[in-house]
C-alpha cells in the first residue's frame, strides 16, 4: 500500500474542482493498493477553492490569491493526512507536484505568477520529516 493524492486517482478535489487524473494511480486505487489523501480538503478547505501558495517560510504562511491566510487549514489537513498514513503504516506517498500541500521538489514561489521554485509543500515536508518516502506523479516508477 502507498499513499496517493486523491486528485491523482481521479477524485475531483483540486482547487479548480476537478481532478489531476493519472490512470496508473486510478488503477492502483481500484486494485486496493492505495490510501487516498487530500490534505487541503482534510483541513476544511472547500472544493473548488481560491488558489493558495506558500508566501513565507519563516514563519510558515500560506495565503490565497485573494489575500486570506489559510496556513492553519494547510497545517491541520497535513496533520490529519499524516495520521491516516501512520494508521495504515504507509511508508511511501505519491503527491501532486507543485501543490502548496503536496508539492515535492518544486512548488510555486508565492507570487501567483506561475513561477516554480525548489521546495516542498506543507504536507510533503511533514512526510519527509517522518521518514516517509515522497514522490510526485512524474517520478514514481514502481509497477502497478
C-alpha atoms as a PDB file:
ATOM      1  CA  UNK A   1       0.000   0.000   0.000  1.00  0.00           C
ATOM      2  CA  UNK A   2       1.069   3.542  -0.763  1.00  0.00           C
ATOM      3  CA  UNK A   3      -0.477   6.921  -0.079  1.00  0.00           C
ATOM      4  CA  UNK A   4      -1.605   8.893  -3.134  1.00  0.00           C
ATOM      5  CA  UNK A   5      -3.077  12.356  -3.595  1.00  0.00           C
ATOM      6  CA  UNK A   6      -6.804  11.881  -4.194  1.00  0.00           C
ATOM      7  CA  UNK A   7      -6.762  14.109  -7.260  1.00  0.00           C
ATOM      8  CA  UNK A   8      -4.269  11.789  -8.981  1.00  0.00           C
ATOM      9  CA  UNK A   9      -6.739   8.910  -8.547  1.00  0.00           C
ATOM     10  CA  UNK A  10      -9.448  10.897 -10.314  1.00  0.00           C
ATOM     11  CA  UNK A  11     -11.267  12.436  -7.339  1.00  0.00           C
ATOM     12  CA  UNK A  12     -12.444  15.976  -8.078  1.00  0.00           C
ATOM     13  CA  UNK A  13     -10.780  17.721  -5.154  1.00  0.00           C
ATOM     14  CA  UNK A  14      -8.253  20.065  -6.792  1.00  0.00           C
ATOM     15  CA  UNK A  15      -8.525  23.781  -6.114  1.00  0.00           C
ATOM     16  CA  UNK A  16     -10.256  24.077  -9.516  1.00  0.00           C
ATOM     17  CA  UNK A  17     -12.848  21.473  -8.542  1.00  0.00           C
ATOM     18  CA  UNK A  18     -11.549  18.877 -10.974  1.00  0.00           C
ATOM     19  CA  UNK A  19      -9.005  16.079 -10.765  1.00  0.00           C
ATOM     20  CA  UNK A  20      -5.428  15.608 -11.915  1.00  0.00           C
ATOM     21  CA  UNK A  21      -6.167  12.061 -13.012  1.00  0.00           C
ATOM     22  CA  UNK A  22      -3.300   9.754 -13.796  1.00  0.00           C
ATOM     23  CA  UNK A  23      -4.700   6.422 -14.961  1.00  0.00           C
ATOM     24  CA  UNK A  24      -1.983   4.374 -13.271  1.00  0.00           C
ATOM     25  CA  UNK A  25      -2.979   5.682  -9.833  1.00  0.00           C
ATOM     26  CA  UNK A  26      -6.685   5.212 -10.536  1.00  0.00           C
ATOM     27  CA  UNK A  27      -5.919   1.613 -11.476  1.00  0.00           C
ATOM     28  CA  UNK A  28      -3.858   1.123  -8.314  1.00  0.00           C
ATOM     29  CA  UNK A  29      -6.772   2.529  -6.294  1.00  0.00           C
ATOM     30  CA  UNK A  30      -9.209   0.174  -7.990  1.00  0.00           C
ATOM     31  CA  UNK A  31      -6.887  -2.728  -7.072  1.00  0.00           C
ATOM     32  CA  UNK A  32      -6.913  -1.653  -3.408  1.00  0.00           C
ATOM     33  CA  UNK A  33      -3.254  -0.642  -3.354  1.00  0.00           C
ATOM     34  CA  UNK A  34      -3.795   2.986  -2.355  1.00  0.00           C
ATOM     35  CA  UNK A  35      -4.727   5.072   0.663  1.00  0.00           C
ATOM     36  CA  UNK A  36      -6.055   8.329  -0.815  1.00  0.00           C
ATOM     37  CA  UNK A  37      -5.432  11.633   0.926  1.00  0.00           C
ATOM     38  CA  UNK A  38      -6.118  15.307   0.221  1.00  0.00           C
ATOM     39  CA  UNK A  39      -4.635  17.446   2.995  1.00  0.00           C
ATOM     40  CA  UNK A  40      -6.318  20.637   1.798  1.00  0.00           C
ATOM     41  CA  UNK A  41      -9.797  19.118   1.956  1.00  0.00           C
ATOM     42  CA  UNK A  42      -8.897  17.310   5.200  1.00  0.00           C
ATOM     43  CA  UNK A  43      -8.016  20.735   6.619  1.00  0.00           C
ATOM     44  CA  UNK A  44     -11.509  22.008   5.913  1.00  0.00           C
ATOM     45  CA  UNK A  45     -10.967  23.870   2.641  1.00  0.00           C
ATOM     46  CA  UNK A  46     -13.777  23.694   0.072  1.00  0.00           C
ATOM     47  CA  UNK A  47     -13.706  22.344  -3.462  1.00  0.00           C
ATOM     48  CA  UNK A  48     -13.331  24.374  -5.582  1.00  0.00           C
ATOM     49  CA  UNK A  49     -11.249  26.925  -3.674  1.00  0.00           C
ATOM     50  CA  UNK A  50      -9.191  30.015  -4.342  1.00  0.00           C
ATOM     51  CA  UNK A  51      -5.606  29.081  -5.320  1.00  0.00           C
ATOM     52  CA  UNK A  52      -3.095  29.276  -2.474  1.00  0.00           C
ATOM     53  CA  UNK A  53       0.689  29.437  -2.319  1.00  0.00           C
ATOM     54  CA  UNK A  54       3.342  29.442   0.382  1.00  0.00           C
ATOM     55  CA  UNK A  55       4.301  33.104   0.670  1.00  0.00           C
ATOM     56  CA  UNK A  56       6.669  32.841   3.650  1.00  0.00           C
ATOM     57  CA  UNK A  57       8.844  30.119   5.127  1.00  0.00           C
ATOM     58  CA  UNK A  58       9.567  31.832   8.461  1.00  0.00           C
ATOM     59  CA  UNK A  59       7.006  31.970   9.768  1.00  0.00           C
ATOM     60  CA  UNK A  60       5.237  29.487   7.517  1.00  0.00           C
ATOM     61  CA  UNK A  61       2.430  31.380   5.806  1.00  0.00           C
ATOM     62  CA  UNK A  62       0.071  30.064   3.137  1.00  0.00           C
ATOM     63  CA  UNK A  63      -2.130  32.702   1.503  1.00  0.00           C
ATOM     64  CA  UNK A  64      -4.886  32.544  -1.082  1.00  0.00           C
ATOM     65  CA  UNK A  65      -4.657  34.613  -4.230  1.00  0.00           C
ATOM     66  CA  UNK A  66      -7.329  36.913  -2.778  1.00  0.00           C
ATOM     67  CA  UNK A  67      -5.355  37.513   0.436  1.00  0.00           C
ATOM     68  CA  UNK A  68      -6.768  35.069   3.009  1.00  0.00           C
ATOM     69  CA  UNK A  69      -4.372  33.298   5.364  1.00  0.00           C
ATOM     70  CA  UNK A  70      -5.042  29.542   5.143  1.00  0.00           C
ATOM     71  CA  UNK A  71      -1.928  28.374   6.989  1.00  0.00           C
ATOM     72  CA  UNK A  72      -3.992  26.870   9.812  1.00  0.00           C
ATOM     73  CA  UNK A  73      -6.073  24.785   7.389  1.00  0.00           C
ATOM     74  CA  UNK A  74      -2.989  23.576   5.500  1.00  0.00           C
ATOM     75  CA  UNK A  75      -1.192  22.525   8.697  1.00  0.00           C
ATOM     76  CA  UNK A  76      -4.280  20.885  10.202  1.00  0.00           C
ATOM     77  CA  UNK A  77      -5.013  18.968   6.989  1.00  0.00           C
ATOM     78  CA  UNK A  78      -1.407  17.814   6.741  1.00  0.00           C
ATOM     79  CA  UNK A  79      -1.558  16.516  10.312  1.00  0.00           C
ATOM     80  CA  UNK A  80      -4.797  14.627   9.637  1.00  0.00           C
ATOM     81  CA  UNK A  81      -3.429  13.115   6.427  1.00  0.00           C
ATOM     82  CA  UNK A  82      -0.194  12.126   8.171  1.00  0.00           C
ATOM     83  CA  UNK A  83      -2.153  10.422  10.970  1.00  0.00           C
ATOM     84  CA  UNK A  84      -4.073   8.399   8.370  1.00  0.00           C
ATOM     85  CA  UNK A  85      -0.838   7.324   6.690  1.00  0.00           C
ATOM     86  CA  UNK A  86       0.615   6.271  10.033  1.00  0.00           C
ATOM     87  CA  UNK A  87      -2.547   4.349  10.914  1.00  0.00           C
ATOM     88  CA  UNK A  88      -2.096   2.341   7.705  1.00  0.00           C
ATOM     89  CA  UNK A  89       1.699   2.000   8.167  1.00  0.00           C
ATOM     90  CA  UNK A  90       2.315   3.797   4.856  1.00  0.00           C
ATOM     91  CA  UNK A  91       5.996   4.414   4.098  1.00  0.00           C
ATOM     92  CA  UNK A  92       5.671   5.789   0.531  1.00  0.00           C
ATOM     93  CA  UNK A  93       3.470   8.525  -0.924  1.00  0.00           C
ATOM     94  CA  UNK A  94       2.872   9.914  -4.403  1.00  0.00           C
ATOM     95  CA  UNK A  95       1.789  13.534  -4.200  1.00  0.00           C
ATOM     96  CA  UNK A  96       0.651  16.179  -6.686  1.00  0.00           C
ATOM     97  CA  UNK A  97       3.595  18.212  -7.895  1.00  0.00           C
ATOM     98  CA  UNK A  98       3.858  21.955  -7.260  1.00  0.00           C
ATOM     99  CA  UNK A  99       0.961  21.951  -4.770  1.00  0.00           C
ATOM    100  CA  UNK A 100       1.394  24.105  -1.643  1.00  0.00           C
ATOM    101  CA  UNK A 101       0.386  20.979   0.322  1.00  0.00           C
ATOM    102  CA  UNK A 102       1.749  18.110  -1.704  1.00  0.00           C
ATOM    103  CA  UNK A 103       4.469  19.577  -3.894  1.00  0.00           C
ATOM    104  CA  UNK A 104       7.727  17.669  -3.561  1.00  0.00           C
ATOM    105  CA  UNK A 105      10.861  19.146  -5.030  1.00  0.00           C
ATOM    106  CA  UNK A 106       9.112  22.093  -6.662  1.00  0.00           C
ATOM    107  CA  UNK A 107       6.339  24.485  -5.635  1.00  0.00           C
ATOM    108  CA  UNK A 108       5.104  27.872  -6.795  1.00  0.00           C
ATOM    109  CA  UNK A 109       7.051  30.841  -5.429  1.00  0.00           C
ATOM    110  CA  UNK A 110       4.234  32.602  -3.539  1.00  0.00           C
ATOM    111  CA  UNK A 111       3.749  35.451  -6.027  1.00  0.00           C
ATOM    112  CA  UNK A 112       0.909  33.823  -8.015  1.00  0.00           C
ATOM    113  CA  UNK A 113       2.948  34.413 -11.172  1.00  0.00           C
ATOM    114  CA  UNK A 114       3.271  30.692 -12.087  1.00  0.00           C
ATOM    115  CA  UNK A 115       6.959  30.847 -11.166  1.00  0.00           C
ATOM    116  CA  UNK A 116       8.238  27.480  -9.975  1.00  0.00           C
ATOM    117  CA  UNK A 117      10.972  27.210  -7.341  1.00  0.00           C
ATOM    118  CA  UNK A 118      12.680  24.389  -5.478  1.00  0.00           C
ATOM    119  CA  UNK A 119      10.786  23.483  -2.338  1.00  0.00           C
ATOM    120  CA  UNK A 120       8.207  21.239  -0.722  1.00  0.00           C
ATOM    121  CA  UNK A 121       4.600  21.749   0.260  1.00  0.00           C
ATOM    122  CA  UNK A 122       3.364  21.665   3.846  1.00  0.00           C
ATOM    123  CA  UNK A 123       2.263  18.010   3.792  1.00  0.00           C
ATOM    124  CA  UNK A 124       5.271  16.806   1.794  1.00  0.00           C
ATOM    125  CA  UNK A 125       7.550  18.379   4.427  1.00  0.00           C
ATOM    126  CA  UNK A 126       5.744  16.576   7.224  1.00  0.00           C
ATOM    127  CA  UNK A 127       6.018  13.269   5.387  1.00  0.00           C
ATOM    128  CA  UNK A 128       9.738  13.711   4.790  1.00  0.00           C
ATOM    129  CA  UNK A 129      10.299  14.673   8.423  1.00  0.00           C
ATOM    130  CA  UNK A 130       8.552  11.435   9.462  1.00  0.00           C
ATOM    131  CA  UNK A 131      10.766   9.346   7.165  1.00  0.00           C
ATOM    132  CA  UNK A 132       8.085   8.705   4.552  1.00  0.00           C
ATOM    133  CA  UNK A 133       9.448   8.480   1.006  1.00  0.00           C
ATOM    134  CA  UNK A 134       7.820  11.131  -1.176  1.00  0.00           C
ATOM    135  CA  UNK A 135       7.377  11.040  -4.949  1.00  0.00           C
ATOM    136  CA  UNK A 136       5.361  13.143  -7.375  1.00  0.00           C
ATOM    137  CA  UNK A 137       3.208  11.810 -10.191  1.00  0.00           C
ATOM    138  CA  UNK A 138       6.074  12.060 -12.671  1.00  0.00           C
ATOM    139  CA  UNK A 139       8.923  10.433 -10.760  1.00  0.00           C
ATOM    140  CA  UNK A 140       7.178   7.438  -9.199  1.00  0.00           C
ATOM    141  CA  UNK A 141       8.381   4.441 -11.179  1.00  0.00           C
ATOM    142  CA  UNK A 142       7.147   1.378  -9.281  1.00  0.00           C
ATOM    143  CA  UNK A 143       4.974  -1.122 -11.102  1.00  0.00           C
ATOM    144  CA  UNK A 144       1.240  -1.023 -10.567  1.00  0.00           C
END
